[in-house]
C-alpha atoms as a PDB file:
ATOM      1  CA  UNK A   1      19.761  20.456  17.036  1.00  0.00           C
ATOM      2  CA  UNK A   2      16.199  19.740  15.930  1.00  0.00           C
ATOM      3  CA  UNK A   3      13.341  19.256  18.311  1.00  0.00           C
ATOM      4  CA  UNK A   4      11.935  15.798  18.903  1.00  0.00           C
ATOM      5  CA  UNK A   5       8.723  14.861  17.130  1.00  0.00           C
ATOM      6  CA  UNK A   6       5.569  15.446  19.149  1.00  0.00           C
ATOM      7  CA  UNK A   7       1.831  15.734  18.582  1.00  0.00           C
ATOM      8  CA  UNK A   8       0.702  18.807  16.641  1.00  0.00           C
ATOM      9  CA  UNK A   9      -0.247  21.976  18.482  1.00  0.00           C
ATOM     10  CA  UNK A  10      -3.347  23.380  16.820  1.00  0.00           C
ATOM     11  CA  UNK A  11      -4.833  26.776  17.580  1.00  0.00           C
ATOM     12  CA  UNK A  12      -8.622  26.646  17.708  1.00  0.00           C
ATOM     13  CA  UNK A  13     -10.136  30.036  16.929  1.00  0.00           C
ATOM     14  CA  UNK A  14     -13.719  28.778  16.955  1.00  0.00           C
ATOM     15  CA  UNK A  15     -13.993  27.194  20.335  1.00  0.00           C
ATOM     16  CA  UNK A  16     -15.459  23.740  19.831  1.00  0.00           C
ATOM     17  CA  UNK A  17     -15.011  20.226  21.150  1.00  0.00           C
ATOM     18  CA  UNK A  18     -13.870  18.575  17.924  1.00  0.00           C
ATOM     19  CA  UNK A  19     -11.284  19.134  15.240  1.00  0.00           C
ATOM     20  CA  UNK A  20     -14.157  19.560  12.776  1.00  0.00           C
ATOM     21  CA  UNK A  21     -14.946  22.921  14.433  1.00  0.00           C
ATOM     22  CA  UNK A  22     -11.477  24.425  13.904  1.00  0.00           C
ATOM     23  CA  UNK A  23     -11.331  27.445  11.604  1.00  0.00           C
ATOM     24  CA  UNK A  24      -7.580  28.064  12.062  1.00  0.00           C
ATOM     25  CA  UNK A  25      -4.928  25.376  11.635  1.00  0.00           C
ATOM     26  CA  UNK A  26      -1.614  26.871  12.838  1.00  0.00           C
ATOM     27  CA  UNK A  27       1.372  24.535  13.254  1.00  0.00           C
ATOM     28  CA  UNK A  28       5.117  25.199  13.461  1.00  0.00           C
ATOM     29  CA  UNK A  29       7.337  22.121  13.159  1.00  0.00           C
ATOM     30  CA  UNK A  30      10.438  23.736  11.667  1.00  0.00           C
ATOM     31  CA  UNK A  31      13.823  22.160  12.528  1.00  0.00           C
ATOM     32  CA  UNK A  32      12.015  19.164  14.025  1.00  0.00           C
ATOM     33  CA  UNK A  33      13.466  16.201  12.095  1.00  0.00           C
ATOM     34  CA  UNK A  34      10.070  15.605  10.492  1.00  0.00           C
ATOM     35  CA  UNK A  35      10.046  12.847   7.869  1.00  0.00           C
ATOM     36  CA  UNK A  36       7.458  11.384   5.517  1.00  0.00           C
ATOM     37  CA  UNK A  37       6.096   9.020   8.139  1.00  0.00           C
ATOM     38  CA  UNK A  38       5.447  11.944  10.494  1.00  0.00           C
ATOM     39  CA  UNK A  39       3.719  13.839   7.682  1.00  0.00           C
ATOM     40  CA  UNK A  40       1.379  10.890   7.152  1.00  0.00           C
ATOM     41  CA  UNK A  41       0.271  11.208  10.791  1.00  0.00           C
ATOM     42  CA  UNK A  42      -0.110  14.962  10.418  1.00  0.00           C
ATOM     43  CA  UNK A  43      -2.308  14.571   7.353  1.00  0.00           C
ATOM     44  CA  UNK A  44      -4.769  12.433   9.350  1.00  0.00           C
ATOM     45  CA  UNK A  45      -5.183  15.357  11.740  1.00  0.00           C
ATOM     46  CA  UNK A  46      -5.602  17.882   8.913  1.00  0.00           C
ATOM     47  CA  UNK A  47      -8.234  15.754   7.195  1.00  0.00           C
ATOM     48  CA  UNK A  48     -10.471  15.956  10.275  1.00  0.00           C
ATOM     49  CA  UNK A  49     -10.631  19.762  10.077  1.00  0.00           C
ATOM     50  CA  UNK A  50     -13.534  20.227   7.709  1.00  0.00           C
ATOM     51  CA  UNK A  51     -14.270  23.897   8.507  1.00  0.00           C
ATOM     52  CA  UNK A  52     -10.757  25.330   8.349  1.00  0.00           C
ATOM     53  CA  UNK A  53     -10.609  28.732   6.631  1.00  0.00           C
ATOM     54  CA  UNK A  54      -7.027  29.664   7.553  1.00  0.00           C
ATOM     55  CA  UNK A  55      -4.158  27.192   7.198  1.00  0.00           C
ATOM     56  CA  UNK A  56      -0.635  28.071   8.421  1.00  0.00           C
ATOM     57  CA  UNK A  57       1.873  25.198   8.344  1.00  0.00           C
ATOM     58  CA  UNK A  58       5.640  25.558   8.836  1.00  0.00           C
ATOM     59  CA  UNK A  59       7.638  22.401   8.071  1.00  0.00           C
ATOM     60  CA  UNK A  60      10.873  24.078   7.024  1.00  0.00           C
ATOM     61  CA  UNK A  61      14.319  22.497   7.499  1.00  0.00           C
ATOM     62  CA  UNK A  62      13.137  18.917   7.863  1.00  0.00           C
ATOM     63  CA  UNK A  63      13.494  15.623   5.969  1.00  0.00           C
ATOM     64  CA  UNK A  64      10.343  15.610   3.853  1.00  0.00           C
ATOM     65  CA  UNK A  65      10.590  14.085   0.378  1.00  0.00           C
ATOM     66  CA  UNK A  66       8.153  13.819  -2.528  1.00  0.00           C
ATOM     67  CA  UNK A  67       6.215  11.088  -0.687  1.00  0.00           C
ATOM     68  CA  UNK A  68       5.405  13.427   2.197  1.00  0.00           C
ATOM     69  CA  UNK A  69       4.615  16.356  -0.100  1.00  0.00           C
ATOM     70  CA  UNK A  70       2.219  14.169  -2.097  1.00  0.00           C
ATOM     71  CA  UNK A  71       0.306  13.373   1.105  1.00  0.00           C
ATOM     72  CA  UNK A  72       0.172  17.091   1.959  1.00  0.00           C
ATOM     73  CA  UNK A  73      -1.097  17.953  -1.516  1.00  0.00           C
ATOM     74  CA  UNK A  74      -3.857  15.344  -1.319  1.00  0.00           C
ATOM     75  CA  UNK A  75      -4.916  16.713   2.065  1.00  0.00           C
ATOM     76  CA  UNK A  76      -4.943  20.315   0.843  1.00  0.00           C
ATOM     77  CA  UNK A  77      -7.233  19.292  -1.982  1.00  0.00           C
ATOM     78  CA  UNK A  78      -9.881  18.439   0.632  1.00  0.00           C
ATOM     79  CA  UNK A  79      -9.794  21.844   2.363  1.00  0.00           C
ATOM     80  CA  UNK A  80     -12.376  23.443   0.094  1.00  0.00           C
ATOM     81  CA  UNK A  81     -13.332  26.215   2.540  1.00  0.00           C
ATOM     82  CA  UNK A  82      -9.817  27.666   2.771  1.00  0.00           C
ATOM     83  CA  UNK A  83      -9.541  31.455   2.461  1.00  0.00           C
ATOM     84  CA  UNK A  84      -5.949  31.929   3.675  1.00  0.00           C
ATOM     85  CA  UNK A  85      -3.168  29.422   3.113  1.00  0.00           C
ATOM     86  CA  UNK A  86       0.523  29.486   4.080  1.00  0.00           C
ATOM     87  CA  UNK A  87       2.897  26.527   3.650  1.00  0.00           C
ATOM     88  CA  UNK A  88       6.622  26.635   4.408  1.00  0.00           C
ATOM     89  CA  UNK A  89       8.647  23.677   3.121  1.00  0.00           C
ATOM     90  CA  UNK A  90      12.018  25.424   2.838  1.00  0.00           C
ATOM     91  CA  UNK A  91      15.063  23.125   2.807  1.00  0.00           C
ATOM     92  CA  UNK A  92      13.366  19.757   2.334  1.00  0.00           C
ATOM     93  CA  UNK A  93      13.611  17.421  -0.680  1.00  0.00           C
ATOM     94  CA  UNK A  94      10.141  17.431  -2.216  1.00  0.00           C
ATOM     95  CA  UNK A  95      11.388  17.644  -5.827  1.00  0.00           C
ATOM     96  CA  UNK A  96       9.196  17.915  -8.917  1.00  0.00           C
ATOM     97  CA  UNK A  97       6.760  15.159  -7.913  1.00  0.00           C
ATOM     98  CA  UNK A  98       6.061  16.818  -4.571  1.00  0.00           C
ATOM     99  CA  UNK A  99       5.630  20.259  -6.138  1.00  0.00           C
ATOM    100  CA  UNK A 100       3.241  18.848  -8.745  1.00  0.00           C
ATOM    101  CA  UNK A 101       1.008  17.293  -6.092  1.00  0.00           C
ATOM    102  CA  UNK A 102       0.974  20.428  -3.944  1.00  0.00           C
ATOM    103  CA  UNK A 103      -0.062  22.363  -7.040  1.00  0.00           C
ATOM    104  CA  UNK A 104      -2.924  19.933  -7.625  1.00  0.00           C
ATOM    105  CA  UNK A 105      -4.059  20.419  -4.027  1.00  0.00           C
ATOM    106  CA  UNK A 106      -3.970  24.208  -4.237  1.00  0.00           C
ATOM    107  CA  UNK A 107      -5.966  24.083  -7.475  1.00  0.00           C
ATOM    108  CA  UNK A 108      -8.929  22.710  -5.497  1.00  0.00           C
ATOM    109  CA  UNK A 109      -8.972  25.742  -3.158  1.00  0.00           C
ATOM    110  CA  UNK A 110     -10.963  28.071  -5.419  1.00  0.00           C
ATOM    111  CA  UNK A 111     -11.915  30.520  -2.642  1.00  0.00           C
ATOM    112  CA  UNK A 112      -8.388  31.493  -1.567  1.00  0.00           C
ATOM    113  CA  UNK A 113      -7.821  35.207  -0.975  1.00  0.00           C
ATOM    114  CA  UNK A 114      -4.307  34.873   0.507  1.00  0.00           C
ATOM    115  CA  UNK A 115      -1.673  32.349  -0.580  1.00  0.00           C
ATOM    116  CA  UNK A 116       1.961  32.029   0.571  1.00  0.00           C
ATOM    117  CA  UNK A 117       4.271  29.172  -0.419  1.00  0.00           C
ATOM    118  CA  UNK A 118       7.942  28.799   0.500  1.00  0.00           C
ATOM    119  CA  UNK A 119       9.735  25.951  -1.312  1.00  0.00           C
ATOM    120  CA  UNK A 120      13.299  27.323  -1.289  1.00  0.00           C
ATOM    121  CA  UNK A 121      16.033  24.666  -1.709  1.00  0.00           C
ATOM    122  CA  UNK A 122      13.831  21.758  -2.818  1.00  0.00           C
ATOM    123  CA  UNK A 123      15.358  20.510  -6.096  1.00  0.00           C
ATOM    124  CA  UNK A 124      12.406  21.745  -8.168  1.00  0.00           C
ATOM    125  CA  UNK A 125      12.633  22.323 -11.922  1.00  0.00           C
ATOM    126  CA  UNK A 126      10.337  23.880 -14.530  1.00  0.00           C
ATOM    127  CA  UNK A 127       8.365  20.614 -14.610  1.00  0.00           C
ATOM    128  CA  UNK A 128       7.543  20.746 -10.925  1.00  0.00           C
ATOM    129  CA  UNK A 129       6.464  24.375 -11.034  1.00  0.00           C
ATOM    130  CA  UNK A 130       3.998  23.891 -13.907  1.00  0.00           C
ATOM    131  CA  UNK A 131       1.105  22.728 -11.702  1.00  0.00           C
ATOM    132  CA  UNK A 132       1.674  25.536  -9.219  1.00  0.00           C
ATOM    133  CA  UNK A 133       1.365  28.070 -12.034  1.00  0.00           C
ATOM    134  CA  UNK A 134      -1.849  26.421 -13.190  1.00  0.00           C
ATOM    135  CA  UNK A 135      -3.176  26.339  -9.611  1.00  0.00           C
ATOM    136  CA  UNK A 136      -2.602  30.073  -9.231  1.00  0.00           C
ATOM    137  CA  UNK A 137      -4.646  30.738 -12.372  1.00  0.00           C
ATOM    138  CA  UNK A 138      -7.622  28.904 -10.829  1.00  0.00           C
ATOM    139  CA  UNK A 139      -7.512  30.926  -7.583  1.00  0.00           C
ATOM    140  CA  UNK A 140      -9.227  33.915  -9.148  1.00  0.00           C
ATOM    141  CA  UNK A 141     -10.157  35.542  -5.813  1.00  0.00           C
ATOM    142  CA  UNK A 142      -6.532  35.972  -4.694  1.00  0.00           C
ATOM    143  CA  UNK A 143      -5.710  39.363  -3.210  1.00  0.00           C
ATOM    144  CA  UNK A 144      -2.358  38.515  -1.633  1.00  0.00           C
ATOM    145  CA  UNK A 145       0.221  36.157  -3.141  1.00  0.00           C
ATOM    146  CA  UNK A 146       3.747  35.320  -1.880  1.00  0.00           C
ATOM    147  CA  UNK A 147       5.995  32.725  -3.521  1.00  0.00           C
ATOM    148  CA  UNK A 148       9.600  31.921  -2.516  1.00  0.00           C
ATOM    149  CA  UNK A 149      11.437  29.699  -5.000  1.00  0.00           C
ATOM    150  CA  UNK A 150      15.104  30.579  -4.390  1.00  0.00           C
ATOM    151  CA  UNK A 151      17.813  28.042  -5.207  1.00  0.00           C
ATOM    152  CA  UNK A 152      15.771  25.759  -7.424  1.00  0.00           C
ATOM    153  CA  UNK A 153      16.197  25.288 -11.192  1.00  0.00           C
ATOM    154  CA  UNK A 154      12.992  26.934 -12.392  1.00  0.00           C
ATOM    155  CA  UNK A 155      14.448  28.364 -15.650  1.00  0.00           C
ATOM    156  CA  UNK A 156      12.658  30.752 -18.016  1.00  0.00           C
ATOM    157  CA  UNK A 157      10.098  28.125 -19.025  1.00  0.00           C
ATOM    158  CA  UNK A 158       9.081  27.626 -15.405  1.00  0.00           C
ATOM    159  CA  UNK A 159       8.608  31.372 -14.984  1.00  0.00           C
ATOM    160  CA  UNK A 160       6.312  31.275 -18.040  1.00  0.00           C
ATOM    161  CA  UNK A 161       3.935  28.978 -16.154  1.00  0.00           C
ATOM    162  CA  UNK A 162       4.012  31.249 -13.107  1.00  0.00           C
ATOM    163  CA  UNK A 163       3.531  34.459 -15.095  1.00  0.00           C
ATOM    164  CA  UNK A 164       0.550  32.997 -16.945  1.00  0.00           C
ATOM    165  CA  UNK A 165      -1.056  31.990 -13.661  1.00  0.00           C
ATOM    166  CA  UNK A 166      -0.411  35.338 -11.969  1.00  0.00           C
ATOM    167  CA  UNK A 167      -1.940  37.263 -14.892  1.00  0.00           C
ATOM    168  CA  UNK A 168      -5.294  35.541 -14.235  1.00  0.00           C
ATOM    169  CA  UNK A 169      -5.582  36.927 -10.679  1.00  0.00           C
ATOM    170  CA  UNK A 170      -7.461  40.120 -11.522  1.00  0.00           C
ATOM    171  CA  UNK A 171      -8.148  41.039  -7.884  1.00  0.00           C
ATOM    172  CA  UNK A 172      -4.530  40.769  -6.733  1.00  0.00           C
ATOM    173  CA  UNK A 173      -3.432  43.687  -4.531  1.00  0.00           C
ATOM    174  CA  UNK A 174      -0.094  42.440  -3.147  1.00  0.00           C
ATOM    175  CA  UNK A 175       2.384  40.201  -4.928  1.00  0.00           C
ATOM    176  CA  UNK A 176       5.875  39.094  -3.831  1.00  0.00           C
ATOM    177  CA  UNK A 177       8.127  36.532  -5.473  1.00  0.00           C
ATOM    178  CA  UNK A 178      11.760  35.566  -4.935  1.00  0.00           C
ATOM    179  CA  UNK A 179      13.652  33.585  -7.580  1.00  0.00           C
ATOM    180  CA  UNK A 180      17.265  33.923  -6.516  1.00  0.00           C
ATOM    181  CA  UNK A 181      19.707  31.575  -8.241  1.00  0.00           C
ATOM    182  CA  UNK A 182      17.038  29.917 -10.396  1.00  0.00           C
ATOM    183  CA  UNK A 183      18.839  29.818 -13.783  1.00  0.00           C
ATOM    184  CA  UNK A 184      16.893  32.741 -15.288  1.00  0.00           C
ATOM    185  CA  UNK A 185      17.585  35.275 -18.037  1.00  0.00           C
ATOM    186  CA  UNK A 186      16.091  38.641 -19.062  1.00  0.00           C
ATOM    187  CA  UNK A 187      13.266  36.662 -20.663  1.00  0.00           C
ATOM    188  CA  UNK A 188      11.903  35.826 -17.207  1.00  0.00           C
ATOM    189  CA  UNK A 189      11.922  39.471 -16.124  1.00  0.00           C
ATOM    190  CA  UNK A 190       9.967  40.372 -19.262  1.00  0.00           C
ATOM    191  CA  UNK A 191       7.368  37.665 -18.682  1.00  0.00           C
ATOM    192  CA  UNK A 192       6.802  38.748 -15.091  1.00  0.00           C
ATOM    193  CA  UNK A 193       6.499  42.406 -16.113  1.00  0.00           C
ATOM    194  CA  UNK A 194       3.864  41.525 -18.726  1.00  0.00           C
ATOM    195  CA  UNK A 195       1.922  39.539 -16.130  1.00  0.00           C
ATOM    196  CA  UNK A 196       1.974  42.526 -13.778  1.00  0.00           C
ATOM    197  CA  UNK A 197       0.477  44.688 -16.526  1.00  0.00           C
ATOM    198  CA  UNK A 198      -2.578  42.412 -16.482  1.00  0.00           C
ATOM    199  CA  UNK A 199      -3.347  43.136 -12.809  1.00  0.00           C
ATOM    200  CA  UNK A 200      -5.629  46.196 -12.576  1.00  0.00           C
ATOM    201  CA  UNK A 201      -5.975  46.185  -8.765  1.00  0.00           C
ATOM    202  CA  UNK A 202      -2.277  45.659  -7.919  1.00  0.00           C
ATOM    203  CA  UNK A 203      -0.978  48.177  -5.388  1.00  0.00           C
ATOM    204  CA  UNK A 204       2.272  46.666  -4.145  1.00  0.00           C
ATOM    205  CA  UNK A 205       4.765  44.088  -5.348  1.00  0.00           C
ATOM    206  CA  UNK A 206       8.260  42.813  -4.573  1.00  0.00           C
ATOM    207  CA  UNK A 207      10.430  40.841  -6.955  1.00  0.00           C
ATOM    208  CA  UNK A 208      13.882  39.431  -6.206  1.00  0.00           C
ATOM    209  CA  UNK A 209      15.899  37.965  -9.114  1.00  0.00           C
ATOM    210  CA  UNK A 210      19.407  38.110  -7.648  1.00  0.00           C
ATOM    211  CA  UNK A 211      22.082  35.655  -8.777  1.00  0.00           C
ATOM    212  CA  UNK A 212      20.531  35.084 -12.206  1.00  0.00           C
ATOM    213  CA  UNK A 213      21.586  36.272 -15.661  1.00  0.00           C
ATOM    214  CA  UNK A 214      19.336  39.352 -15.504  1.00  0.00           C
ATOM    215  CA  UNK A 215      20.764  42.530 -17.038  1.00  0.00           C
ATOM    216  CA  UNK A 216      17.847  44.761 -18.062  1.00  0.00           C
ATOM    217  CA  UNK A 217      15.330  44.395 -15.252  1.00  0.00           C
ATOM    218  CA  UNK A 218      14.198  48.023 -15.237  1.00  0.00           C
ATOM    219  CA  UNK A 219      14.447  48.755 -18.965  1.00  0.00           C
ATOM    220  CA  UNK A 220      10.932  47.822 -20.011  1.00  0.00           C
ATOM    221  CA  UNK A 221       8.388  49.502 -22.263  1.00  0.00           C
ATOM    222  CA  UNK A 222       6.490  52.705 -21.426  1.00  0.00           C
ATOM    223  CA  UNK A 223       3.362  50.841 -20.406  1.00  0.00           C
ATOM    224  CA  UNK A 224       5.299  48.935 -17.757  1.00  0.00           C
ATOM    225  CA  UNK A 225       6.888  52.117 -16.443  1.00  0.00           C
ATOM    226  CA  UNK A 226       3.392  53.569 -16.067  1.00  0.00           C
ATOM    227  CA  UNK A 227       2.372  50.546 -14.003  1.00  0.00           C
ATOM    228  CA  UNK A 228       5.380  51.062 -11.722  1.00  0.00           C
ATOM    229  CA  UNK A 229       4.280  54.628 -10.967  1.00  0.00           C
ATOM    230  CA  UNK A 230       0.916  53.349  -9.756  1.00  0.00           C
ATOM    231  CA  UNK A 231       2.184  50.831  -7.201  1.00  0.00           C
ATOM    232  CA  UNK A 232       4.682  50.478  -4.393  1.00  0.00           C
ATOM    233  CA  UNK A 233       7.391  48.196  -5.675  1.00  0.00           C
ATOM    234  CA  UNK A 234      10.826  46.785  -4.924  1.00  0.00           C
ATOM    235  CA  UNK A 235      12.929  45.222  -7.678  1.00  0.00           C
ATOM    236  CA  UNK A 236      16.155  43.410  -6.879  1.00  0.00           C
ATOM    237  CA  UNK A 237      18.531  41.803  -9.379  1.00  0.00           C
END
């Protein structure tokens, strides 16, 4: 049973009298029967927080569609001071249009150092993931990056967009991505491995490609094997 909708609970880490003084926006509305209309109300609250540097929003297992995700993306695009961002939309129905708009919003957050996005089970294809890949490439200060895309239809072409974006994050230290059951082949594993080779500061990564058509995940060239010896890693296929 989901919880009834209520006003957002926001943690204020910079004690002030107005939303504009908040530096941390931390909200958990998972399993709460949240729909697009509720998201519209939430966005009004987010838009008042002009000084937010850390954004943690959990809206997993709700009833949010592309319309709600578009509103979220537009709001994120206004949070220009963000340093840390985490958004959980697992098991909604945002689709490609919603993913595209969220990508556009993230692309405006140039100062991000930590980025985590969970969009598992959201009917997203390679078209929807394209903007997210481009957004990652613009966040050049990223040090920590987590992306959960399980049970979508990303395909090898979608992974190409992601790999290209990841390779631009030259300060990345930690990287984790899950792509279970995403209609991928060995080509995707190769593209991700090449992207990893472009990350000179990387010290730890996790990659989960279970339930795809991956057969040669660990059989890469000597340069890649050298990279693996330099970092803590976990590969699953």
